[in-house]
Amino acid sequence: MTNYKVLFLDIDGTLVRPDDTIEDSTKEAISHVQAKGLEVFLATGRPLHEINELAKELNINSFIGYNGAYAIYKGDDLFQKPMNSSTVRKFLEIAKENKHEMVLYTNSKNVFTNLDSKVITEFMHTFHLHKNELYSPSVNDAVLGITLINLKENDSLLYKNEEGIHLSQINVDGMRHCYDVIRDSVNKGYGVQVVLEQLGISKESSIAFGDGMNDKEMLQTVGEGFAMGNGHPDLFQYAKHQTTKVTDSGVFNGLKKLGLID
């Protein structure tokens, strides 16, 4: 059997169910592989300054956040890769012209183009964002990630002229009008690759679970990539395995398939 050494887990739709809870089987699975000596990372589009309670509940202190732009290993920074400030400014202009909203994530706060609209307050509630401020140009050089909010079906095309950038629709009910801005060169796959290199772990010894298109590169980078049963339909082609839904012990069943759980 392969000597697995590290597990990367997306949060929304992979660990966390639509009702914002975590299955007992998922908690059991994580605890089980930790006891076997595997390093466990949360790999998320969320800002890392907002997931402390979740991390504490799962006894995890290693992370890839902001869709691969920032990584922490056991409390110590591994790397940070801010976005190009010219890209940030261009996206702000497009959003303003088309009545879209944006949240720009730094390593300490969430900066919104609007703090009062219903669509923004719903977004904050869904993703438990508390360290929120109104946008100021002073943050342009420190943006680690962006989410676009309140887009109609074809509005994502407005942003596709920017070289080296693609949008990933958020795979959460009620939030499908939101799109993460993903860099081709900095994404969850990039973050995983850097972590593997820094820790001296081979691709074959790594595992990842995800459900959204922002997990595509991560699932391709590891040795054993699992798409959740509730995953975005376009994601399955990039995963080596498909497991059951987040509401049906998806992480547990995937790890069992690998022989890590009896």
Protein backbone atom coordinates (compact mmCIF):
# COMPACT_ATOMS: atom_id res chain seq x y z
CA MET A 1 0.00 0.00 0.00
CA THR A 2 1.20 3.53 -0.76
CA ASN A 3 2.70 5.35 2.20
CA TYR A 4 0.40 8.37 2.23
CA LYS A 5 1.78 11.39 4.07
CA VAL A 6 -0.49 14.39 3.46
CA LEU A 7 -4.19 15.13 2.96
CA PHE A 8 -5.57 18.37 1.48
CA LEU A 9 -9.25 19.14 2.16
CA ASP A 10 -11.44 21.80 0.62
CA ILE A 11 -13.96 23.28 3.06
CA ASP A 12 -17.31 24.28 1.53
CA GLY A 13 -19.10 21.33 -0.05
CA THR A 14 -16.29 18.96 0.95
CA LEU A 15 -15.96 19.24 4.73
CA VAL A 16 -18.93 21.49 5.46
CA ARG A 17 -22.47 20.47 4.52
CA PRO A 18 -25.11 22.85 3.13
CA ASP A 19 -26.50 23.28 6.66
CA ASP A 20 -23.07 24.52 7.79
CA THR A 21 -22.25 21.45 9.88
CA ILE A 22 -19.61 18.74 9.59
CA GLU A 23 -20.57 15.07 9.61
CA ASP A 24 -19.31 12.97 12.49
CA SER A 25 -17.89 10.51 9.95
CA THR A 26 -15.79 13.32 8.44
CA LYS A 27 -14.43 14.31 11.84
CA GLU A 28 -13.69 10.64 12.56
CA ALA A 29 -11.88 10.22 9.25
CA ILE A 30 -9.67 13.25 9.82
CA SER A 31 -8.81 12.20 13.36
CA HIS A 32 -8.04 8.68 12.12
CA VAL A 33 -5.53 9.74 9.47
CA GLN A 34 -3.94 12.26 11.84
CA ALA A 35 -3.36 9.39 14.26
CA LYS A 36 -1.66 7.52 11.41
CA GLY A 37 0.77 10.44 11.03
CA LEU A 38 -0.64 12.17 7.95
CA GLU A 39 -0.31 15.94 7.72
CA VAL A 40 -3.75 17.49 7.12
CA PHE A 41 -4.19 20.84 5.39
CA LEU A 42 -7.37 22.81 4.83
CA ALA A 43 -7.16 24.06 1.22
CA THR A 44 -9.76 26.72 0.64
CA GLY A 45 -10.78 29.83 -1.22
CA ARG A 46 -11.71 31.33 2.13
CA PRO A 47 -9.45 33.84 3.90
CA LEU A 48 -7.39 32.13 6.58
CA HIS A 49 -8.13 34.81 9.17
CA GLU A 50 -11.78 33.62 9.22
CA ILE A 51 -11.45 29.85 9.75
CA ASN A 52 -9.95 29.62 13.24
CA GLU A 53 -13.00 28.00 14.86
CA LEU A 54 -13.32 25.39 12.13
CA ALA A 55 -9.62 24.59 12.28
CA LYS A 56 -9.74 24.27 16.05
CA GLU A 57 -12.74 21.93 15.87
CA LEU A 58 -10.80 19.61 13.54
CA ASN A 59 -7.42 20.03 15.28
CA ILE A 60 -5.83 21.32 12.06
CA ASN A 61 -3.17 24.05 12.01
CA SER A 62 -1.86 23.85 8.44
CA PHE A 63 -3.58 25.68 5.59
CA ILE A 64 -3.63 26.75 1.97
CA GLY A 65 -5.92 29.76 1.67
CA TYR A 66 -7.12 32.36 -0.81
CA ASN A 67 -7.20 29.69 -3.55
CA GLY A 68 -3.50 28.96 -3.26
CA ALA A 69 -2.05 32.41 -2.61
CA TYR A 70 -1.03 31.84 1.03
CA ALA A 71 0.11 28.74 2.92
CA ILE A 72 0.78 28.08 6.58
CA TYR A 73 2.36 24.92 8.02
CA LYS A 74 1.86 24.29 11.73
CA GLY A 75 1.41 27.98 12.40
CA ASP A 76 4.37 29.23 10.33
CA ASP A 77 4.06 31.01 6.98
CA LEU A 78 5.28 29.07 3.96
CA PHE A 79 4.55 31.70 1.29
CA GLN A 80 2.30 34.58 0.20
CA LYS A 81 1.60 35.55 -3.42
CA PRO A 82 -0.42 38.79 -3.77
CA MET A 83 -2.23 39.56 -7.01
CA ASN A 84 -0.94 42.09 -9.53
CA SER A 85 -2.29 45.48 -8.49
CA SER A 86 -3.08 46.38 -12.12
CA THR A 87 -5.34 43.32 -12.33
CA VAL A 88 -7.07 44.37 -9.13
CA ARG A 89 -7.72 47.86 -10.49
CA LYS A 90 -9.02 46.53 -13.81
CA PHE A 91 -11.45 44.14 -12.11
CA LEU A 92 -12.70 46.95 -9.88
CA GLU A 93 -13.44 49.04 -12.97
CA ILE A 94 -15.32 46.22 -14.72
CA ALA A 95 -17.33 45.48 -11.57
CA LYS A 96 -18.30 49.13 -11.13
CA GLU A 97 -19.39 49.46 -14.77
CA ASN A 98 -21.60 46.37 -14.53
CA LYS A 99 -23.04 46.84 -11.02
CA HIS A 100 -21.19 43.85 -9.63
CA GLU A 101 -19.77 43.73 -6.11
CA MET A 102 -16.37 42.46 -5.03
CA VAL A 103 -14.61 41.27 -1.93
CA LEU A 104 -10.84 41.58 -1.91
CA TYR A 105 -9.04 39.44 0.66
CA THR A 106 -5.83 40.52 2.38
CA ASN A 107 -4.07 38.44 5.01
CA SER A 108 -5.98 40.25 7.76
CA LYS A 109 -9.31 41.53 6.42
CA ASN A 110 -12.07 41.27 3.83
CA VAL A 111 -12.49 44.45 1.81
CA PHE A 112 -15.89 44.91 0.17
CA THR A 113 -16.96 47.36 -2.52
CA ASN A 114 -20.26 47.64 -0.64
CA LEU A 115 -21.10 46.74 2.95
CA ASP A 116 -24.85 47.35 2.96
CA SER A 117 -26.54 45.48 0.12
CA LYS A 118 -28.54 42.32 0.79
CA VAL A 119 -26.40 40.22 -1.51
CA ILE A 120 -23.29 41.25 0.45
CA THR A 121 -24.76 40.57 3.88
CA GLU A 122 -25.89 37.13 2.67
CA PHE A 123 -22.37 36.41 1.41
CA MET A 124 -20.85 37.47 4.72
CA HIS A 125 -23.28 35.26 6.62
CA THR A 126 -22.77 32.20 4.40
CA PHE A 127 -18.98 32.27 4.68
CA HIS A 128 -18.77 33.60 8.26
CA LEU A 129 -16.86 36.73 7.37
CA HIS A 130 -16.42 39.14 10.28
CA LYS A 131 -13.29 41.22 9.63
CA ASN A 132 -14.97 43.35 6.98
CA GLU A 133 -14.11 46.84 5.76
CA LEU A 134 -15.14 49.11 2.92
CA TYR A 135 -12.78 49.20 -0.06
CA SER A 136 -9.91 51.66 -0.12
CA PRO A 137 -7.20 51.78 -2.85
CA SER A 138 -4.59 51.35 -0.12
CA VAL A 139 -5.16 47.57 -0.20
CA ASN A 140 -4.47 47.13 -3.94
CA ASP A 141 -0.93 45.83 -3.42
CA ALA A 142 -1.92 43.36 -0.69
CA VAL A 143 -4.79 41.46 -2.33
CA LEU A 144 -4.36 37.69 -2.06
CA GLY A 145 -7.70 36.77 -3.61
CA ILE A 146 -10.95 38.14 -5.01
CA THR A 147 -14.54 36.97 -5.19
CA LEU A 148 -16.96 38.62 -7.61
CA ILE A 149 -20.56 38.86 -6.40
CA ASN A 150 -23.93 39.39 -8.06
CA LEU A 151 -22.99 38.22 -11.56
CA LYS A 152 -25.60 37.04 -14.05
CA GLU A 153 -25.01 33.85 -16.02
CA ASN A 154 -22.87 35.29 -18.81
CA ASP A 155 -21.30 38.17 -16.90
CA SER A 156 -18.20 36.12 -16.17
CA LEU A 157 -17.20 36.65 -19.82
CA LEU A 158 -16.61 40.33 -19.05
CA TYR A 159 -13.55 39.41 -17.00
CA LYS A 160 -11.99 36.86 -19.33
CA ASN A 161 -9.88 39.32 -21.28
CA GLU A 162 -7.34 39.45 -18.50
CA GLU A 163 -4.44 37.16 -19.39
CA GLY A 164 -3.63 34.44 -16.91
CA ILE A 165 -6.95 34.71 -15.02
CA HIS A 166 -10.08 32.56 -15.02
CA LEU A 167 -13.25 32.62 -12.95
CA SER A 168 -14.57 29.71 -10.92
CA GLN A 169 -18.25 29.64 -9.99
CA ILE A 170 -18.80 29.01 -6.29
CA ASN A 171 -20.38 25.58 -5.82
CA VAL A 172 -22.64 26.55 -2.89
CA ASP A 173 -26.44 26.77 -3.06
CA GLY A 174 -27.62 30.37 -3.08
CA MET A 175 -24.12 31.63 -3.95
CA ARG A 176 -23.86 30.58 -7.60
CA HIS A 177 -23.92 34.24 -8.60
CA CYS A 178 -20.44 34.44 -7.05
CA TYR A 179 -17.15 33.65 -8.79
CA ASP A 180 -13.67 33.25 -7.36
CA VAL A 181 -10.93 34.91 -9.40
CA ILE A 182 -8.32 32.22 -10.05
CA ARG A 183 -4.83 32.86 -11.37
CA ASP A 184 -3.46 30.28 -13.80
CA SER A 185 -0.08 30.52 -12.06
CA VAL A 186 -1.33 30.74 -8.45
CA ASN A 187 -4.14 28.40 -7.47
CA LYS A 188 -4.74 25.51 -5.09
CA GLY A 189 -2.61 23.25 -7.29
CA TYR A 190 0.28 25.70 -7.04
CA GLY A 191 -0.16 25.86 -3.28
CA VAL A 192 -0.16 22.07 -2.99
CA GLN A 193 2.96 21.83 -5.19
CA VAL A 194 4.86 24.30 -3.01
CA VAL A 195 3.81 22.47 0.17
CA LEU A 196 4.92 19.11 -1.24
CA GLU A 197 8.29 20.56 -2.23
CA GLN A 198 8.81 22.31 1.11
CA LEU A 199 7.91 19.20 3.12
CA GLY A 200 9.75 16.79 0.84
CA ILE A 201 6.64 14.74 0.09
CA SER A 202 6.11 13.00 -3.25
CA LYS A 203 3.02 13.52 -5.37
CA GLU A 204 2.20 9.81 -5.01
CA SER A 205 1.97 10.21 -1.21
CA SER A 206 -0.58 13.04 -1.37
CA ILE A 207 -4.40 13.02 -1.32
CA ALA A 208 -6.96 15.76 -1.93
CA PHE A 209 -10.75 16.16 -1.83
CA GLY A 210 -12.74 18.94 -3.50
CA ASP A 211 -16.09 19.81 -5.03
CA GLY A 212 -15.67 23.07 -6.98
CA MET A 213 -13.85 24.13 -10.12
CA ASN A 214 -11.37 26.03 -7.94
CA ASP A 215 -10.25 22.54 -6.83
CA LYS A 216 -9.41 21.40 -10.37
CA GLU A 217 -5.68 22.12 -10.23
CA MET A 218 -5.35 20.67 -6.74
CA LEU A 219 -6.94 17.36 -7.74
CA GLN A 220 -4.56 17.15 -10.70
CA THR A 221 -1.48 17.90 -8.58
CA VAL A 222 -1.88 15.13 -5.99
CA GLY A 223 -1.50 11.38 -6.38
CA GLU A 224 -5.06 10.60 -5.28
CA GLY A 225 -7.61 13.28 -6.19
CA PHE A 226 -11.23 12.81 -5.12
CA ALA A 227 -14.20 14.76 -6.49
CA MET A 228 -17.14 14.83 -4.11
CA GLY A 229 -20.42 13.33 -5.32
CA ASN A 230 -22.00 16.78 -5.03
CA GLY A 231 -19.17 18.31 -7.05
CA HIS A 232 -19.49 20.64 -10.02
CA PRO A 233 -20.25 18.47 -13.09
CA ASP A 234 -17.18 19.76 -14.91
CA LEU A 235 -14.85 18.75 -12.07
CA PHE A 236 -15.14 14.98 -12.34
CA GLN A 237 -12.92 14.72 -15.43
CA TYR A 238 -10.00 16.15 -13.45
CA ALA A 239 -10.26 13.72 -10.52
CA LYS A 240 -8.78 10.25 -10.31
CA HIS A 241 -11.65 9.17 -8.05
CA GLN A 242 -15.24 10.11 -7.31
CA THR A 243 -16.58 9.64 -3.81
CA THR A 244 -20.01 10.11 -2.23
CA LYS A 245 -21.58 13.46 -1.34
CA VAL A 246 -20.58 15.72 1.53
CA THR A 247 -23.88 14.69 3.15
CA ASP A 248 -23.05 10.98 2.69
CA SER A 249 -19.62 10.46 4.26
CA GLY A 250 -17.70 11.50 1.15
CA VAL A 251 -14.34 12.08 2.84
CA PHE A 252 -14.68 8.98 5.03
CA ASN A 253 -15.58 6.75 2.08
CA GLY A 254 -12.75 8.10 -0.07
CA LEU A 255 -10.14 7.48 2.61
CA LYS A 256 -11.60 4.04 3.19
CA LYS A 257 -11.18 3.30 -0.52
CA LEU A 258 -7.46 4.02 -0.12
CA GLY A 259 -7.22 1.63 2.82
CA LEU A 260 -6.58 4.40 5.37
CA ILE A 261 -9.76 3.60 7.31
CA ASP A 262 -10.81 0.06 8.21
